[in-house]
């Protein structure tokens, strides 16, 4: 389970965003939490099966790297596209609730570091779990 520490930290950050959002209704939050827990279970169990299938084979065959990279890339899509939609929705709500022009400019400019952090986490996830030498 130590191999999934980064994944659990990422999952925790996503759940903090979902739970702490006042713009999302309770049933949407519940659905998103359930979605991410089921997705994490599927990701971990399938990745463990792939790892176990090629466990004692040296050198590690290209088939393992292909399967692993494809699986991580698929899960990255299921993990980050819903998060991107949630973040876009939250930023839209935040922008429309801003009353002054300065507040709207600050909300709009905060998208840049948020997008950089989002891209960083997506890259880090794909690189950490789906790296192919």
Protein backbone atom coordinates (compact mmCIF):
# COMPACT_ATOMS: atom_id res chain seq x y z
CA UNK A 1 0.00 0.00 0.00
CA UNK A 2 2.99 2.28 0.38
CA UNK A 3 3.17 2.53 -3.40
CA UNK A 4 -0.22 4.27 -3.41
CA UNK A 5 0.58 7.01 -0.89
CA UNK A 6 0.69 9.69 -3.59
CA UNK A 7 -2.58 8.43 -5.01
CA UNK A 8 -4.26 8.65 -1.59
CA UNK A 9 -2.96 12.19 -1.10
CA UNK A 10 -4.34 13.15 -4.52
CA UNK A 11 -7.65 11.47 -3.70
CA UNK A 12 -7.77 13.33 -0.39
CA UNK A 13 -7.23 16.68 -2.12
CA UNK A 14 -9.97 15.91 -4.62
CA UNK A 15 -12.37 14.93 -1.84
CA UNK A 16 -11.53 18.08 0.13
CA UNK A 17 -12.42 20.16 -2.95
CA UNK A 18 -15.69 18.29 -3.41
CA UNK A 19 -16.75 18.25 0.25
CA UNK A 20 -15.81 21.85 1.04
CA UNK A 21 -17.64 23.30 -1.96
CA UNK A 22 -20.78 25.21 -1.04
CA UNK A 23 -21.95 25.36 -4.65
CA UNK A 24 -22.49 21.62 -4.95
CA UNK A 25 -25.63 20.00 -3.60
CA UNK A 26 -25.32 17.15 -1.09
CA UNK A 27 -26.39 14.47 -3.57
CA UNK A 28 -23.76 15.63 -6.08
CA UNK A 29 -21.12 15.50 -3.35
CA UNK A 30 -22.25 12.02 -2.34
CA UNK A 31 -22.19 10.85 -5.95
CA UNK A 32 -18.71 12.26 -6.53
CA UNK A 33 -17.34 10.74 -3.31
CA UNK A 34 -18.78 7.35 -4.24
CA UNK A 35 -17.42 7.70 -7.79
CA UNK A 36 -13.88 8.42 -6.58
CA UNK A 37 -13.92 5.61 -3.99
CA UNK A 38 -15.11 3.07 -6.56
CA UNK A 39 -12.59 4.38 -9.09
CA UNK A 40 -9.75 4.11 -6.57
CA UNK A 41 -10.74 0.53 -5.71
CA UNK A 42 -10.84 -0.43 -9.40
CA UNK A 43 -7.51 1.31 -10.06
CA UNK A 44 -5.66 -0.31 -7.17
CA UNK A 45 -7.05 -3.80 -7.68
CA UNK A 46 -6.37 -3.82 -11.43
CA UNK A 47 -2.89 -2.34 -11.02
CA UNK A 48 -2.09 -5.00 -8.42
CA UNK A 49 -3.29 -7.71 -10.83
CA UNK A 50 -1.05 -6.33 -13.57
CA UNK A 51 1.90 -6.16 -11.18
CA UNK A 52 1.27 -9.68 -9.89
CA UNK A 53 0.99 -11.08 -13.42
CA UNK A 54 4.53 -9.95 -14.23
CA UNK A 55 5.97 -10.23 -10.72
CA UNK A 56 9.00 -12.51 -11.03
CA UNK A 57 9.82 -12.05 -14.70
CA UNK A 58 13.18 -10.47 -15.36
CA UNK A 59 13.84 -8.46 -17.39
CA UNK A 60 10.41 -6.86 -17.23
CA UNK A 61 8.78 -7.43 -20.64
CA UNK A 62 7.45 -4.66 -22.85
CA UNK A 63 3.97 -6.17 -22.49
CA UNK A 64 3.94 -5.15 -18.81
CA UNK A 65 4.92 -1.58 -19.57
CA UNK A 66 2.30 -1.37 -22.32
CA UNK A 67 -0.47 -2.74 -20.10
CA UNK A 68 0.52 -0.65 -17.10
CA UNK A 69 0.90 2.60 -19.05
CA UNK A 70 -2.40 2.08 -20.84
CA UNK A 71 -4.20 1.32 -17.57
CA UNK A 72 -2.79 4.37 -15.77
CA UNK A 73 -3.60 6.61 -18.72
CA UNK A 74 -7.20 5.36 -18.74
CA UNK A 75 -7.61 5.93 -15.01
CA UNK A 76 -6.01 9.36 -15.31
CA UNK A 77 -8.77 10.31 -17.72
CA UNK A 78 -11.46 9.03 -15.36
CA UNK A 79 -9.76 10.77 -12.46
CA UNK A 80 -8.95 14.18 -13.90
CA UNK A 81 -11.71 14.94 -16.43
CA UNK A 82 -14.48 14.96 -13.78
CA UNK A 83 -12.19 17.02 -11.54
CA UNK A 84 -11.65 19.51 -14.38
CA UNK A 85 -15.41 19.82 -14.86
CA UNK A 86 -15.92 20.34 -11.13
CA UNK A 87 -13.22 23.01 -11.03
CA UNK A 88 -14.65 24.80 -14.07
CA UNK A 89 -18.11 24.76 -12.48
CA UNK A 90 -16.77 26.06 -9.15
CA UNK A 91 -14.77 28.81 -10.81
CA UNK A 92 -17.81 29.84 -12.86
CA UNK A 93 -19.94 30.03 -9.70
CA UNK A 94 -17.19 31.90 -7.88
CA UNK A 95 -16.79 34.35 -10.77
CA UNK A 96 -20.52 35.05 -11.06
CA UNK A 97 -20.84 35.60 -7.29
CA UNK A 98 -18.04 38.18 -7.24
CA UNK A 99 -19.58 41.63 -6.87
CA UNK A 100 -16.75 44.00 -7.77
CA UNK A 101 -14.56 44.19 -10.83
CA UNK A 102 -11.41 43.69 -8.73
CA UNK A 103 -12.88 40.53 -7.22
CA UNK A 104 -13.70 39.19 -10.69
CA UNK A 105 -10.17 39.95 -11.90
CA UNK A 106 -8.68 38.19 -8.86
CA UNK A 107 -10.89 35.14 -9.40
CA UNK A 108 -10.00 35.06 -13.07
CA UNK A 109 -6.25 35.38 -12.43
CA UNK A 110 -6.38 32.66 -9.77
CA UNK A 111 -7.29 30.24 -12.57
CA UNK A 112 -3.68 30.34 -13.79
CA UNK A 113 -2.04 28.86 -10.67
CA UNK A 114 -4.97 26.46 -10.21
CA UNK A 115 -4.53 25.19 -13.78
CA UNK A 116 -0.77 24.84 -13.23
CA UNK A 117 -1.35 22.79 -10.08
CA UNK A 118 -3.96 20.68 -11.89
CA UNK A 119 -1.57 19.96 -14.77
CA UNK A 120 1.24 19.23 -12.31
CA UNK A 121 -0.84 16.64 -10.44
CA UNK A 122 -2.05 15.04 -13.68
CA UNK A 123 1.55 14.77 -14.91
CA UNK A 124 2.79 13.49 -11.56
CA UNK A 125 0.08 10.81 -11.43
CA UNK A 126 0.75 9.64 -14.97
CA UNK A 127 4.52 9.70 -14.46
CA UNK A 128 4.49 7.99 -11.05
CA UNK A 129 2.22 5.10 -11.93
CA UNK A 130 2.44 4.80 -15.69
CA UNK A 131 6.10 5.50 -16.39
CA UNK A 132 7.66 3.40 -19.08
CA UNK A 133 11.45 3.34 -19.23
